[in-house]
C-alpha atoms as a PDB file:
ATOM      1  CA  UNK A   1     -16.664   4.599   3.724  1.00  0.00           C
ATOM      2  CA  UNK A   2     -17.964   5.964   6.940  1.00  0.00           C
ATOM      3  CA  UNK A   3     -15.301   4.957   9.479  1.00  0.00           C
ATOM      4  CA  UNK A   4     -15.241   6.189  13.036  1.00  0.00           C
ATOM      5  CA  UNK A   5     -12.222   7.930  14.412  1.00  0.00           C
ATOM      6  CA  UNK A   6     -11.292   5.109  16.402  1.00  0.00           C
ATOM      7  CA  UNK A   7     -11.485   2.679  13.269  1.00  0.00           C
ATOM      8  CA  UNK A   8      -9.427   5.176  11.302  1.00  0.00           C
ATOM      9  CA  UNK A   9      -6.783   5.126  14.207  1.00  0.00           C
ATOM     10  CA  UNK A  10      -6.926   1.156  14.172  1.00  0.00           C
ATOM     11  CA  UNK A  11      -6.479   1.324  10.412  1.00  0.00           C
ATOM     12  CA  UNK A  12      -3.431   3.738  10.704  1.00  0.00           C
ATOM     13  CA  UNK A  13      -1.780   1.528  13.232  1.00  0.00           C
ATOM     14  CA  UNK A  14      -2.185  -1.464  11.001  1.00  0.00           C
ATOM     15  CA  UNK A  15      -0.786   0.536   8.140  1.00  0.00           C
ATOM     16  CA  UNK A  16       2.199   1.904  10.127  1.00  0.00           C
ATOM     17  CA  UNK A  17       3.122  -1.649  11.558  1.00  0.00           C
ATOM     18  CA  UNK A  18       2.166  -4.151   8.878  1.00  0.00           C
ATOM     19  CA  UNK A  19       1.477  -2.134   5.701  1.00  0.00           C
ATOM     20  CA  UNK A  20       3.645  -1.074   2.723  1.00  0.00           C
ATOM     21  CA  UNK A  21       3.206   1.947   0.397  1.00  0.00           C
ATOM     22  CA  UNK A  22       5.133   1.810  -2.837  1.00  0.00           C
ATOM     23  CA  UNK A  23       5.386   3.139  -6.466  1.00  0.00           C
ATOM     24  CA  UNK A  24       6.254   0.561  -9.256  1.00  0.00           C
ATOM     25  CA  UNK A  25       5.825   0.459 -12.816  1.00  0.00           C
ATOM     26  CA  UNK A  26       5.750  -2.225 -15.642  1.00  0.00           C
ATOM     27  CA  UNK A  27       6.760  -2.035 -19.163  1.00  0.00           C
ATOM     28  CA  UNK A  28       4.429  -3.792 -21.624  1.00  0.00           C
ATOM     29  CA  UNK A  29       5.014  -3.371 -25.523  1.00  0.00           C
ATOM     30  CA  UNK A  30       7.617  -0.551 -24.923  1.00  0.00           C
ATOM     31  CA  UNK A  31       5.104   1.369 -22.642  1.00  0.00           C
ATOM     32  CA  UNK A  32       5.396   2.250 -19.081  1.00  0.00           C
ATOM     33  CA  UNK A  33       2.366   1.631 -16.673  1.00  0.00           C
ATOM     34  CA  UNK A  34       2.917   3.334 -13.264  1.00  0.00           C
ATOM     35  CA  UNK A  35       1.017   2.781 -10.198  1.00  0.00           C
ATOM     36  CA  UNK A  36       0.810   3.347  -6.388  1.00  0.00           C
ATOM     37  CA  UNK A  37       0.127   0.511  -4.284  1.00  0.00           C
ATOM     38  CA  UNK A  38      -0.994   0.148  -0.672  1.00  0.00           C
ATOM     39  CA  UNK A  39      -0.737  -3.364   0.856  1.00  0.00           C
ATOM     40  CA  UNK A  40      -1.115  -5.172   4.184  1.00  0.00           C
ATOM     41  CA  UNK A  41       0.318  -8.808   4.332  1.00  0.00           C
ATOM     42  CA  UNK A  42      -0.177 -10.919   7.357  1.00  0.00           C
ATOM     43  CA  UNK A  43      -1.296 -14.376   8.824  1.00  0.00           C
ATOM     44  CA  UNK A  44      -4.590 -13.024  10.328  1.00  0.00           C
ATOM     45  CA  UNK A  45      -7.345 -13.279   7.516  1.00  0.00           C
ATOM     46  CA  UNK A  46      -9.631 -11.647   9.922  1.00  0.00           C
ATOM     47  CA  UNK A  47      -7.565  -8.405   9.915  1.00  0.00           C
ATOM     48  CA  UNK A  48      -7.155  -7.986   6.190  1.00  0.00           C
ATOM     49  CA  UNK A  49     -10.895  -8.881   5.710  1.00  0.00           C
ATOM     50  CA  UNK A  50     -11.779  -6.199   8.441  1.00  0.00           C
ATOM     51  CA  UNK A  51      -9.552  -3.715   6.434  1.00  0.00           C
ATOM     52  CA  UNK A  52     -11.664  -4.364   3.206  1.00  0.00           C
ATOM     53  CA  UNK A  53     -14.743  -4.134   5.172  1.00  0.00           C
ATOM     54  CA  UNK A  54     -14.071  -0.909   6.936  1.00  0.00           C
ATOM     55  CA  UNK A  55     -12.789   0.705   3.670  1.00  0.00           C
ATOM     56  CA  UNK A  56     -15.015  -0.751   1.176  1.00  0.00           C
ATOM     57  CA  UNK A  57     -11.787  -0.949  -0.960  1.00  0.00           C
ATOM     58  CA  UNK A  58      -9.334  -3.482  -2.226  1.00  0.00           C
ATOM     59  CA  UNK A  59      -9.189  -7.014  -2.672  1.00  0.00           C
ATOM     60  CA  UNK A  60      -8.010  -9.998  -0.415  1.00  0.00           C
ATOM     61  CA  UNK A  61      -5.739 -12.532  -1.622  1.00  0.00           C
ATOM     62  CA  UNK A  62      -4.435 -15.728  -0.282  1.00  0.00           C
ATOM     63  CA  UNK A  63      -0.508 -16.354  -0.321  1.00  0.00           C
ATOM     64  CA  UNK A  64       0.625 -19.750   0.446  1.00  0.00           C
ATOM     65  CA  UNK A  65       3.963 -19.829   2.307  1.00  0.00           C
ATOM     66  CA  UNK A  66       4.032 -23.624   2.884  1.00  0.00           C
ATOM     67  CA  UNK A  67       5.389 -24.105  -0.650  1.00  0.00           C
ATOM     68  CA  UNK A  68       8.824 -22.662   0.562  1.00  0.00           C
ATOM     69  CA  UNK A  69       8.876 -23.883   4.118  1.00  0.00           C
ATOM     70  CA  UNK A  70       6.394 -26.409   5.618  1.00  0.00           C
ATOM     71  CA  UNK A  71       6.716 -24.363   9.006  1.00  0.00           C
ATOM     72  CA  UNK A  72       5.607 -21.106   7.651  1.00  0.00           C
ATOM     73  CA  UNK A  73       2.056 -19.963   8.109  1.00  0.00           C
ATOM     74  CA  UNK A  74      -0.097 -18.943   5.101  1.00  0.00           C
ATOM     75  CA  UNK A  75      -0.535 -15.289   4.500  1.00  0.00           C
ATOM     76  CA  UNK A  76      -3.432 -13.048   3.295  1.00  0.00           C
ATOM     77  CA  UNK A  77      -2.785  -9.658   1.546  1.00  0.00           C
ATOM     78  CA  UNK A  78      -5.216  -6.792   1.319  1.00  0.00           C
ATOM     79  CA  UNK A  79      -4.194  -4.581  -1.934  1.00  0.00           C
ATOM     80  CA  UNK A  80      -5.138  -1.202  -3.170  1.00  0.00           C
ATOM     81  CA  UNK A  81      -4.375  -0.223  -6.814  1.00  0.00           C
ATOM     82  CA  UNK A  82      -3.481   3.325  -7.801  1.00  0.00           C
ATOM     83  CA  UNK A  83      -6.943   5.125  -7.605  1.00  0.00           C
ATOM     84  CA  UNK A  84      -8.153   3.385  -4.416  1.00  0.00           C
ATOM     85  CA  UNK A  85      -4.690   3.833  -2.835  1.00  0.00           C
ATOM     86  CA  UNK A  86      -4.951   7.645  -3.272  1.00  0.00           C
ATOM     87  CA  UNK A  87      -8.397   7.837  -1.876  1.00  0.00           C
ATOM     88  CA  UNK A  88      -7.263   5.694   1.032  1.00  0.00           C
ATOM     89  CA  UNK A  89      -4.021   7.612   1.760  1.00  0.00           C
ATOM     90  CA  UNK A  90      -5.865  10.994   1.684  1.00  0.00           C
ATOM     91  CA  UNK A  91      -8.338   9.487   4.155  1.00  0.00           C
ATOM     92  CA  UNK A  92      -5.882   7.900   6.475  1.00  0.00           C
ATOM     93  CA  UNK A  93      -2.845  10.407   6.398  1.00  0.00           C
ATOM     94  CA  UNK A  94      -3.639  12.088   9.745  1.00  0.00           C
ATOM     95  CA  UNK A  95      -3.601   8.872  11.424  1.00  0.00           C
ATOM     96  CA  UNK A  96      -0.154   7.821  10.257  1.00  0.00           C
ATOM     97  CA  UNK A  97       3.090   8.174  12.000  1.00  0.00           C
ATOM     98  CA  UNK A  98       5.704   5.482  10.821  1.00  0.00           C
ATOM     99  CA  UNK A  99       4.398   5.575   7.109  1.00  0.00           C
ATOM    100  CA  UNK A 100       3.507   9.333   6.867  1.00  0.00           C
ATOM    101  CA  UNK A 101       6.625  10.096   4.650  1.00  0.00           C
ATOM    102  CA  UNK A 102       5.648   7.233   2.193  1.00  0.00           C
ATOM    103  CA  UNK A 103       2.033   8.220   2.080  1.00  0.00           C
ATOM    104  CA  UNK A 104       2.962  11.833   1.238  1.00  0.00           C
ATOM    105  CA  UNK A 105       5.463  10.956  -1.414  1.00  0.00           C
ATOM    106  CA  UNK A 106       2.920   8.760  -2.945  1.00  0.00           C
ATOM    107  CA  UNK A 107       0.291  11.485  -2.934  1.00  0.00           C
ATOM    108  CA  UNK A 108       2.745  13.854  -4.414  1.00  0.00           C
ATOM    109  CA  UNK A 109       3.853  11.392  -6.952  1.00  0.00           C
ATOM    110  CA  UNK A 110       0.271  11.044  -8.184  1.00  0.00           C
ATOM    111  CA  UNK A 111       0.515  14.551  -9.727  1.00  0.00           C
ATOM    112  CA  UNK A 112       3.320  13.255 -12.098  1.00  0.00           C
ATOM    113  CA  UNK A 113       1.703  10.073 -13.240  1.00  0.00           C
ATOM    114  CA  UNK A 114       1.461  11.611 -16.623  1.00  0.00           C
ATOM    115  CA  UNK A 115       4.766  13.540 -16.426  1.00  0.00           C
ATOM    116  CA  UNK A 116       7.967  12.677 -17.555  1.00  0.00           C
ATOM    117  CA  UNK A 117      10.043   9.388 -16.993  1.00  0.00           C
ATOM    118  CA  UNK A 118      13.077  11.261 -15.043  1.00  0.00           C
ATOM    119  CA  UNK A 119      10.709  12.738 -12.559  1.00  0.00           C
ATOM    120  CA  UNK A 120       8.799   9.500 -11.972  1.00  0.00           C
ATOM    121  CA  UNK A 121      12.146   7.554 -11.494  1.00  0.00           C
ATOM    122  CA  UNK A 122      13.304  10.277  -8.878  1.00  0.00           C
ATOM    123  CA  UNK A 123      10.063   9.550  -6.816  1.00  0.00           C
ATOM    124  CA  UNK A 124      10.516   5.703  -7.394  1.00  0.00           C
ATOM    125  CA  UNK A 125      14.194   6.066  -6.133  1.00  0.00           C
ATOM    126  CA  UNK A 126      12.999   8.222  -2.966  1.00  0.00           C
ATOM    127  CA  UNK A 127      10.260   5.558  -2.229  1.00  0.00           C
ATOM    128  CA  UNK A 128      12.634   2.849  -2.398  1.00  0.00           C
ATOM    129  CA  UNK A 129      14.934   4.666   0.082  1.00  0.00           C
ATOM    130  CA  UNK A 130      12.126   5.102   2.588  1.00  0.00           C
ATOM    131  CA  UNK A 131      11.087   1.514   2.227  1.00  0.00           C
ATOM    132  CA  UNK A 132      14.706   0.166   2.611  1.00  0.00           C
ATOM    133  CA  UNK A 133      15.204  -2.169   5.477  1.00  0.00           C
ATOM    134  CA  UNK A 134      17.517  -1.150   8.385  1.00  0.00           C
END
């Protein structure tokens, strides 16, 4: 992913303003699967497609908002799963300001993906507090 410094700065600004970085897990057949996700959801399809183009990572999905309210615009979401999220966060870290703590926490958490549940739950709680509104 050969991005210029100005492109990396632009990507960092998009993540800071419109992005989300989170830790989650899912239980399937009594087994927990943990993941780190980076996502950008917005009404500008061109912007999320440009993120995918510049990074060479992730998927772009369509999210219909008109089902809930006819006046809402449709949205598009660019999503990175765990492995791509970690590569991306390492690359973009110097260009983040608002989401720097979430990015650092996610990278630190990645060292414990195979660790004990209590440690992972602590990281999950910390990330939820960082991502809380208000």
